[in-house]
Every structure is written in C-alpha cells, then in structure tokens.
Amino acid sequence: MFEAEISIHYPSHAFAKSVMQALAPDNSMTGGKMRITSNAKGSVLSVRVEGSERIESLQATIQDVFRCLHAAESSLARIAER
C-alpha cells in the first residue's frame, strides 16, 4: 500500500484550521480502502493519504487534494480581504 503526507505552513492556526475544515467534506468522500485525514497543529496543516493500492491512484488523489487546498486558500484569502 502507498501513502503520503503533505504539510503546509500557514500564517496562523486559525487559517490552517479553516483550510482543514474546508477540506473535510472532500475527505469524507474517498470511498474504497483509501483514507484521507487532516490535522491542524499550530499553523501547520497536515494532510495524510493512506490505503492506496496503486501509485497512480495516490498521485491522482494528491493532485485532487492540492486542487481543493488551492480553492480553500483562495476563498479564505478573499474573505480575509473584506
């Protein structure tokens, strides 16, 4: 089985936690044996992908995680500008 962990540093715990909460709906919809978990500790968000039987599936899932992260970060940044 393949697994990966992504750690991203944000300006604050509040921002890291908000991004984590924005990812929660996507994380709960993985299906199959694959599992995605996230944790905000301090200003660091960690996203862990586990249970992938194929490296190609892991790669596709990581790309999806990055797309969701980008969308959450962009939305939160716009809210913060107001």
PDB file of N, CA and C in Angstrom:
ATOM      1  N   MET A   1       0.836  -1.184   0.000  1.00  0.00           N
ATOM      2  CA  MET A   1       0.000   0.000   0.000  1.00  0.00           C
ATOM      3  C   MET A   1       0.880   1.246   0.000  1.00  0.00           C
ATOM      4  N   PHE A   2       0.393   2.268  -0.664  1.00  0.00           N
ATOM      5  CA  PHE A   2       1.105   3.536  -0.750  1.00  0.00           C
ATOM      6  C   PHE A   2       0.442   4.564   0.143  1.00  0.00           C
ATOM      7  N   GLU A   3       1.246   5.494   0.641  1.00  0.00           N
ATOM      8  CA  GLU A   3       0.717   6.582   1.467  1.00  0.00           C
ATOM      9  C   GLU A   3       1.582   7.813   1.295  1.00  0.00           C
ATOM     10  N   ALA A   4       1.008   8.965   1.644  1.00  0.00           N
ATOM     11  CA  ALA A   4       1.732  10.236   1.535  1.00  0.00           C
ATOM     12  C   ALA A   4       1.211  11.190   2.599  1.00  0.00           C
ATOM     13  N   GLU A   5       2.066  12.128   2.992  1.00  0.00           N
ATOM     14  CA  GLU A   5       1.652  13.176   3.920  1.00  0.00           C
ATOM     15  C   GLU A   5       2.140  14.513   3.393  1.00  0.00           C
ATOM     16  N   ILE A   6       1.244  15.469   3.398  1.00  0.00           N
ATOM     17  CA  ILE A   6       1.528  16.828   2.942  1.00  0.00           C
ATOM     18  C   ILE A   6       1.455  17.733   4.162  1.00  0.00           C
ATOM     19  N   SER A   7       2.477  18.541   4.383  1.00  0.00           N
ATOM     20  CA  SER A   7       2.464  19.515   5.480  1.00  0.00           C
ATOM     21  C   SER A   7       2.614  20.905   4.887  1.00  0.00           C
ATOM     22  N   ILE A   8       1.702  21.796   5.288  1.00  0.00           N
ATOM     23  CA  ILE A   8       1.708  23.164   4.755  1.00  0.00           C
ATOM     24  C   ILE A   8       1.688  24.133   5.927  1.00  0.00           C
ATOM     25  N   HIS A   9       2.570  25.109   5.876  1.00  0.00           N
ATOM     26  CA  HIS A   9       2.652  26.133   6.912  1.00  0.00           C
ATOM     27  C   HIS A   9       1.824  27.348   6.492  1.00  0.00           C
ATOM     28  N   TYR A  10       0.963  27.803   7.396  1.00  0.00           N
ATOM     29  CA  TYR A  10       0.121  28.965   7.150  1.00  0.00           C
ATOM     30  C   TYR A  10       0.480  30.083   8.126  1.00  0.00           C
ATOM     31  N   PRO A  11      -0.026  31.283   7.896  1.00  0.00           N
ATOM     32  CA  PRO A  11       0.303  32.419   8.770  1.00  0.00           C
ATOM     33  C   PRO A  11      -0.220  32.258  10.201  1.00  0.00           C
ATOM     34  N   SER A  12      -1.292  31.465  10.383  1.00  0.00           N
ATOM     35  CA  SER A  12      -1.875  31.344  11.715  1.00  0.00           C
ATOM     36  C   SER A  12      -2.577  29.999  11.871  1.00  0.00           C
ATOM     37  N   HIS A  13      -2.837  29.652  13.130  1.00  0.00           N
ATOM     38  CA  HIS A  13      -3.600  28.432  13.412  1.00  0.00           C
ATOM     39  C   HIS A  13      -5.024  28.564  12.865  1.00  0.00           C
ATOM     40  N   ALA A  14      -5.604  29.745  13.001  1.00  0.00           N
ATOM     41  CA  ALA A  14      -6.973  29.958  12.528  1.00  0.00           C
ATOM     42  C   ALA A  14      -7.093  29.687  11.027  1.00  0.00           C
ATOM     43  N   PHE A  15      -6.108  30.139  10.260  1.00  0.00           N
ATOM     44  CA  PHE A  15      -6.146  29.920   8.810  1.00  0.00           C
ATOM     45  C   PHE A  15      -5.972  28.435   8.509  1.00  0.00           C
ATOM     46  N   ALA A  16      -5.023  27.772   9.178  1.00  0.00           N
ATOM     47  CA  ALA A  16      -4.795  26.336   8.966  1.00  0.00           C
ATOM     48  C   ALA A  16      -6.055  25.542   9.304  1.00  0.00           C
ATOM     49  N   LYS A  17      -6.701  25.898  10.408  1.00  0.00           N
ATOM     50  CA  LYS A  17      -7.915  25.199  10.826  1.00  0.00           C
ATOM     51  C   LYS A  17      -9.058  25.434   9.837  1.00  0.00           C
ATOM     52  N   SER A  18      -9.167  26.642   9.319  1.00  0.00           N
ATOM     53  CA  SER A  18     -10.206  26.948   8.334  1.00  0.00           C
ATOM     54  C   SER A  18     -10.010  26.150   7.049  1.00  0.00           C
ATOM     55  N   VAL A  19      -8.774  26.035   6.595  1.00  0.00           N
ATOM     56  CA  VAL A  19      -8.494  25.235   5.397  1.00  0.00           C
ATOM     57  C   VAL A  19      -8.834  23.773   5.675  1.00  0.00           C
ATOM     58  N   MET A  20      -8.456  23.278   6.848  1.00  0.00           N
ATOM     59  CA  MET A  20      -8.761  21.897   7.221  1.00  0.00           C
ATOM     60  C   MET A  20     -10.273  21.649   7.195  1.00  0.00           C
ATOM     61  N   GLN A  21     -11.037  22.578   7.747  1.00  0.00           N
ATOM     62  CA  GLN A  21     -12.491  22.431   7.761  1.00  0.00           C
ATOM     63  C   GLN A  21     -13.075  22.483   6.355  1.00  0.00           C
ATOM     64  N   ALA A  22     -12.479  23.274   5.490  1.00  0.00           N
ATOM     65  CA  ALA A  22     -12.950  23.347   4.106  1.00  0.00           C
ATOM     66  C   ALA A  22     -12.696  22.032   3.367  1.00  0.00           C
ATOM     67  N   LEU A  23     -11.640  21.318   3.742  1.00  0.00           N
ATOM     68  CA  LEU A  23     -11.319  20.035   3.110  1.00  0.00           C
ATOM     69  C   LEU A  23     -12.175  18.888   3.635  1.00  0.00           C
ATOM     70  N   ALA A  24     -12.773  19.035   4.797  1.00  0.00           N
ATOM     71  CA  ALA A  24     -13.477  17.937   5.460  1.00  0.00           C
ATOM     72  C   ALA A  24     -14.514  17.239   4.576  1.00  0.00           C
ATOM     73  N   PRO A  25     -15.379  17.947   3.849  1.00  0.00           N
ATOM     74  CA  PRO A  25     -16.360  17.233   3.014  1.00  0.00           C
ATOM     75  C   PRO A  25     -15.705  16.354   1.954  1.00  0.00           C
ATOM     76  N   ASP A  26     -14.626  16.824   1.340  1.00  0.00           N
ATOM     77  CA  ASP A  26     -13.929  16.018   0.336  1.00  0.00           C
ATOM     78  C   ASP A  26     -13.253  14.812   0.972  1.00  0.00           C
ATOM     79  N   ASN A  27     -12.704  14.992   2.159  1.00  0.00           N
ATOM     80  CA  ASN A  27     -12.008  13.900   2.830  1.00  0.00           C
ATOM     81  C   ASN A  27     -12.950  12.760   3.194  1.00  0.00           C
ATOM     82  N   SER A  28     -14.210  13.067   3.465  1.00  0.00           N
ATOM     83  CA  SER A  28     -15.152  12.028   3.872  1.00  0.00           C
ATOM     84  C   SER A  28     -15.709  11.242   2.691  1.00  0.00           C
ATOM     85  N   MET A  29     -15.407  11.653   1.461  1.00  0.00           N
ATOM     86  CA  MET A  29     -15.991  11.015   0.283  1.00  0.00           C
ATOM     87  C   MET A  29     -15.006  10.157  -0.496  1.00  0.00           C
ATOM     88  N   THR A  30     -13.971   9.627   0.153  1.00  0.00           N
ATOM     89  CA  THR A  30     -12.949   8.887  -0.581  1.00  0.00           C
ATOM     90  C   THR A  30     -13.441   7.555  -1.100  1.00  0.00           C
ATOM     91  N   GLY A  31     -14.246   6.838  -0.330  1.00  0.00           N
ATOM     92  CA  GLY A  31     -14.739   5.537  -0.767  1.00  0.00           C
ATOM     93  C   GLY A  31     -13.624   4.510  -0.838  1.00  0.00           C
ATOM     94  N   GLY A  32     -13.976   3.262  -0.933  1.00  0.00           N
ATOM     95  CA  GLY A  32     -12.977   2.203  -1.027  1.00  0.00           C
ATOM     96  C   GLY A  32     -12.089   2.130   0.205  1.00  0.00           C
ATOM     97  N   LYS A  33     -10.871   1.657   0.015  1.00  0.00           N
ATOM     98  CA  LYS A  33      -9.932   1.476   1.125  1.00  0.00           C
ATOM     99  C   LYS A  33      -9.122   2.737   1.430  1.00  0.00           C
ATOM    100  N   MET A  34      -9.113   3.678   0.525  1.00  0.00           N
ATOM    101  CA  MET A  34      -8.313   4.878   0.703  1.00  0.00           C
ATOM    102  C   MET A  34      -8.912   5.775   1.780  1.00  0.00           C
ATOM    103  N   ARG A  35      -8.028   6.374   2.568  1.00  0.00           N
ATOM    104  CA  ARG A  35      -8.476   7.249   3.652  1.00  0.00           C
ATOM    105  C   ARG A  35      -7.654   8.529   3.644  1.00  0.00           C
ATOM    106  N   ILE A  36      -8.338   9.665   3.788  1.00  0.00           N
ATOM    107  CA  ILE A  36      -7.671  10.960   3.857  1.00  0.00           C
ATOM    108  C   ILE A  36      -8.018  11.589   5.197  1.00  0.00           C
ATOM    109  N   THR A  37      -6.995  11.976   5.939  1.00  0.00           N
ATOM    110  CA  THR A  37      -7.206  12.650   7.221  1.00  0.00           C
ATOM    111  C   THR A  37      -6.399  13.941   7.224  1.00  0.00           C
ATOM    112  N   SER A  38      -6.869  14.898   7.997  1.00  0.00           N
ATOM    113  CA  SER A  38      -6.137  16.159   8.106  1.00  0.00           C
ATOM    114  C   SER A  38      -6.131  16.606   9.562  1.00  0.00           C
ATOM    115  N   ASN A  39      -5.093  17.376   9.903  1.00  0.00           N
ATOM    116  CA  ASN A  39      -4.911  17.838  11.272  1.00  0.00           C
ATOM    117  C   ASN A  39      -4.223  19.198  11.237  1.00  0.00           C
ATOM    118  N   ALA A  40      -4.769  20.144  11.974  1.00  0.00           N
ATOM    119  CA  ALA A  40      -4.146  21.468  12.096  1.00  0.00           C
ATOM    120  C   ALA A  40      -3.520  21.563  13.488  1.00  0.00           C
ATOM    121  N   LYS A  41      -2.207  21.670  13.517  1.00  0.00           N
ATOM    122  CA  LYS A  41      -1.482  21.803  14.777  1.00  0.00           C
ATOM    123  C   LYS A  41      -0.649  23.073  14.687  1.00  0.00           C
ATOM    124  N   GLY A  42      -1.006  24.039  15.493  1.00  0.00           N
ATOM    125  CA  GLY A  42      -0.370  25.344  15.353  1.00  0.00           C
ATOM    126  C   GLY A  42      -0.744  25.903  13.991  1.00  0.00           C
ATOM    127  N   SER A  43       0.228  26.423  13.297  1.00  0.00           N
ATOM    128  CA  SER A  43      -0.039  26.990  11.972  1.00  0.00           C
ATOM    129  C   SER A  43       0.245  26.001  10.839  1.00  0.00           C
ATOM    130  N   VAL A  44       0.425  24.722  11.190  1.00  0.00           N
ATOM    131  CA  VAL A  44       0.746  23.696  10.189  1.00  0.00           C
ATOM    132  C   VAL A  44      -0.458  22.791   9.964  1.00  0.00           C
ATOM    133  N   LEU A  45      -0.828  22.649   8.698  1.00  0.00           N
ATOM    134  CA  LEU A  45      -1.880  21.720   8.301  1.00  0.00           C
ATOM    135  C   LEU A  45      -1.205  20.496   7.699  1.00  0.00           C
ATOM    136  N   SER A  46      -1.546  19.318   8.230  1.00  0.00           N
ATOM    137  CA  SER A  46      -1.031  18.057   7.687  1.00  0.00           C
ATOM    138  C   SER A  46      -2.191  17.288   7.079  1.00  0.00           C
ATOM    139  N   VAL A  47      -1.997  16.823   5.860  1.00  0.00           N
ATOM    140  CA  VAL A  47      -2.997  16.013   5.170  1.00  0.00           C
ATOM    141  C   VAL A  47      -2.340  14.686   4.844  1.00  0.00           C
ATOM    142  N   ARG A  48      -2.953  13.600   5.300  1.00  0.00           N
ATOM    143  CA  ARG A  48      -2.392  12.262   5.104  1.00  0.00           C
ATOM    144  C   ARG A  48      -3.328  11.440   4.230  1.00  0.00           C
ATOM    145  N   VAL A  49      -2.751  10.793   3.214  1.00  0.00           N
ATOM    146  CA  VAL A  49      -3.487   9.911   2.311  1.00  0.00           C
ATOM    147  C   VAL A  49      -2.948   8.502   2.530  1.00  0.00           C
ATOM    148  N   GLU A  50      -3.832   7.581   2.883  1.00  0.00           N
ATOM    149  CA  GLU A  50      -3.423   6.207   3.186  1.00  0.00           C
ATOM    150  C   GLU A  50      -4.290   5.202   2.444  1.00  0.00           C
ATOM    151  N   GLY A  51      -3.730   4.020   2.222  1.00  0.00           N
ATOM    152  CA  GLY A  51      -4.508   2.902   1.705  1.00  0.00           C
ATOM    153  C   GLY A  51      -4.598   2.789   0.210  1.00  0.00           C
ATOM    154  N   SER A  52      -3.789   3.519  -0.510  1.00  0.00           N
ATOM    155  CA  SER A  52      -3.824   3.432  -1.969  1.00  0.00           C
ATOM    156  C   SER A  52      -3.071   2.180  -2.421  1.00  0.00           C
ATOM    157  N   GLU A  53      -3.731   1.369  -3.221  1.00  0.00           N
ATOM    158  CA  GLU A  53      -3.096   0.145  -3.712  1.00  0.00           C
ATOM    159  C   GLU A  53      -2.236   0.388  -4.944  1.00  0.00           C
ATOM    160  N   ARG A  54      -2.448   1.520  -5.614  1.00  0.00           N
ATOM    161  CA  ARG A  54      -1.667   1.828  -6.822  1.00  0.00           C
ATOM    162  C   ARG A  54      -1.078   3.215  -6.690  1.00  0.00           C
ATOM    163  N   ILE A  55       0.146   3.370  -7.133  1.00  0.00           N
ATOM    164  CA  ILE A  55       0.819   4.670  -7.064  1.00  0.00           C
ATOM    165  C   ILE A  55       0.071   5.698  -7.909  1.00  0.00           C
ATOM    166  N   GLU A  56      -0.523   5.273  -9.005  1.00  0.00           N
ATOM    167  CA  GLU A  56      -1.281   6.188  -9.864  1.00  0.00           C
ATOM    168  C   GLU A  56      -2.498   6.747  -9.135  1.00  0.00           C
ATOM    169  N   SER A  57      -3.153   5.926  -8.331  1.00  0.00           N
ATOM    170  CA  SER A  57      -4.308   6.391  -7.547  1.00  0.00           C
ATOM    171  C   SER A  57      -3.870   7.384  -6.489  1.00  0.00           C
ATOM    172  N   LEU A  58      -2.734   7.097  -5.858  1.00  0.00           N
ATOM    173  CA  LEU A  58      -2.200   8.017  -4.855  1.00  0.00           C
ATOM    174  C   LEU A  58      -1.867   9.359  -5.494  1.00  0.00           C
ATOM    175  N   GLN A  59      -1.223   9.319  -6.647  1.00  0.00           N
ATOM    176  CA  GLN A  59      -0.856  10.550  -7.342  1.00  0.00           C
ATOM    177  C   GLN A  59      -2.107  11.360  -7.714  1.00  0.00           C
ATOM    178  N   ALA A  60      -3.121  10.706  -8.239  1.00  0.00           N
ATOM    179  CA  ALA A  60      -4.358  11.406  -8.620  1.00  0.00           C
ATOM    180  C   ALA A  60      -5.034  12.012  -7.386  1.00  0.00           C
ATOM    181  N   THR A  61      -5.027  11.293  -6.288  1.00  0.00           N
ATOM    182  CA  THR A  61      -5.646  11.801  -5.064  1.00  0.00           C
ATOM    183  C   THR A  61      -4.885  12.996  -4.520  1.00  0.00           C
ATOM    184  N   ILE A  62      -3.562  12.940  -4.559  1.00  0.00           N
ATOM    185  CA  ILE A  62      -2.754  14.073  -4.096  1.00  0.00           C
ATOM    186  C   ILE A  62      -3.012  15.301  -4.965  1.00  0.00           C
ATOM    187  N   GLN A  63      -3.135  15.105  -6.269  1.00  0.00           N
ATOM    188  CA  GLN A  63      -3.459  16.225  -7.153  1.00  0.00           C
ATOM    189  C   GLN A  63      -4.815  16.820  -6.795  1.00  0.00           C
ATOM    190  N   ASP A  64      -5.791  15.970  -6.481  1.00  0.00           N
ATOM    191  CA  ASP A  64      -7.111  16.459  -6.056  1.00  0.00           C
ATOM    192  C   ASP A  64      -7.017  17.239  -4.751  1.00  0.00           C
ATOM    193  N   VAL A  65      -6.217  16.736  -3.818  1.00  0.00           N
ATOM    194  CA  VAL A  65      -6.034  17.435  -2.542  1.00  0.00           C
ATOM    195  C   VAL A  65      -5.456  18.823  -2.793  1.00  0.00           C
ATOM    196  N   PHE A  66      -4.444  18.924  -3.651  1.00  0.00           N
ATOM    197  CA  PHE A  66      -3.849  20.230  -3.942  1.00  0.00           C
ATOM    198  C   PHE A  66      -4.850  21.176  -4.609  1.00  0.00           C
ATOM    199  N   ARG A  67      -5.705  20.647  -5.485  1.00  0.00           N
ATOM    200  CA  ARG A  67      -6.740  21.489  -6.110  1.00  0.00           C
ATOM    201  C   ARG A  67      -7.709  22.011  -5.045  1.00  0.00           C
ATOM    202  N   CYS A  68      -8.107  21.143  -4.137  1.00  0.00           N
ATOM    203  CA  CYS A  68      -9.024  21.558  -3.064  1.00  0.00           C
ATOM    204  C   CYS A  68      -8.347  22.547  -2.121  1.00  0.00           C
ATOM    205  N   LEU A  69      -7.073  22.319  -1.817  1.00  0.00           N
ATOM    206  CA  LEU A  69      -6.329  23.261  -0.980  1.00  0.00           C
ATOM    207  C   LEU A  69      -6.282  24.637  -1.632  1.00  0.00           C
ATOM    208  N   HIS A  70      -5.994  24.672  -2.913  1.00  0.00           N
ATOM    209  CA  HIS A  70      -5.912  25.941  -3.629  1.00  0.00           C
ATOM    210  C   HIS A  70      -7.253  26.675  -3.595  1.00  0.00           C
ATOM    211  N   ALA A  71      -8.332  25.936  -3.823  1.00  0.00           N
ATOM    212  CA  ALA A  71      -9.662  26.562  -3.791  1.00  0.00           C
ATOM    213  C   ALA A  71      -9.979  27.107  -2.400  1.00  0.00           C
ATOM    214  N   ALA A  72      -9.672  26.341  -1.366  1.00  0.00           N
ATOM    215  CA  ALA A  72      -9.940  26.790   0.005  1.00  0.00           C
ATOM    216  C   ALA A  72      -9.093  28.007   0.354  1.00  0.00           C
ATOM    217  N   GLU A  73      -7.815  27.965   0.005  1.00  0.00           N
ATOM    218  CA  GLU A  73      -6.916  29.100   0.308  1.00  0.00           C
ATOM    219  C   GLU A  73      -7.378  30.354  -0.410  1.00  0.00           C
ATOM    220  N   SER A  74      -7.751  30.230  -1.676  1.00  0.00           N
ATOM    221  CA  SER A  74      -8.205  31.396  -2.442  1.00  0.00           C
ATOM    222  C   SER A  74      -9.469  31.991  -1.847  1.00  0.00           C
ATOM    223  N   SER A  75     -10.413  31.134  -1.481  1.00  0.00           N
ATOM    224  CA  SER A  75     -11.663  31.615  -0.896  1.00  0.00           C
ATOM    225  C   SER A  75     -11.423  32.301   0.436  1.00  0.00           C
ATOM    226  N   LEU A  76     -10.613  31.689   1.283  1.00  0.00           N
ATOM    227  CA  LEU A  76     -10.332  32.255   2.596  1.00  0.00           C
ATOM    228  C   LEU A  76      -9.559  33.570   2.485  1.00  0.00           C
ATOM    229  N   ALA A  77      -8.655  33.667   1.524  1.00  0.00           N
ATOM    230  CA  ALA A  77      -7.900  34.899   1.322  1.00  0.00           C
ATOM    231  C   ALA A  77      -8.845  36.030   0.906  1.00  0.00           C
ATOM    232  N   ARG A  78      -9.811  35.733   0.055  1.00  0.00           N
ATOM    233  CA  ARG A  78     -10.763  36.764  -0.366  1.00  0.00           C
ATOM    234  C   ARG A  78     -11.637  37.215   0.796  1.00  0.00           C
ATOM    235  N   ILE A  79     -12.029  36.267   1.636  1.00  0.00           N
ATOM    236  CA  ILE A  79     -12.833  36.624   2.814  1.00  0.00           C
ATOM    237  C   ILE A  79     -12.020  37.507   3.741  1.00  0.00           C
ATOM    238  N   ALA A  80     -10.756  37.190   3.919  1.00  0.00           N
ATOM    239  CA  ALA A  80      -9.879  37.959   4.816  1.00  0.00           C
ATOM    240  C   ALA A  80      -9.657  39.388   4.311  1.00  0.00           C
ATOM    241  N   GLU A  81      -9.735  39.596   2.985  1.00  0.00           N
ATOM    242  CA  GLU A  81      -9.538  40.915   2.396  1.00  0.00           C
ATOM    243  C   GLU A  81     -10.668  41.869   2.754  1.00  0.00           C
ATOM    244  N   ARG A  82     -11.818  41.342   3.071  1.00  0.00           N
ATOM    245  CA  ARG A  82     -13.005  42.184   3.337  1.00  0.00           C
ATOM    246  C   ARG A  82     -12.954  42.823   4.665  1.00  0.00           C
TER     247      ARG A  82
END
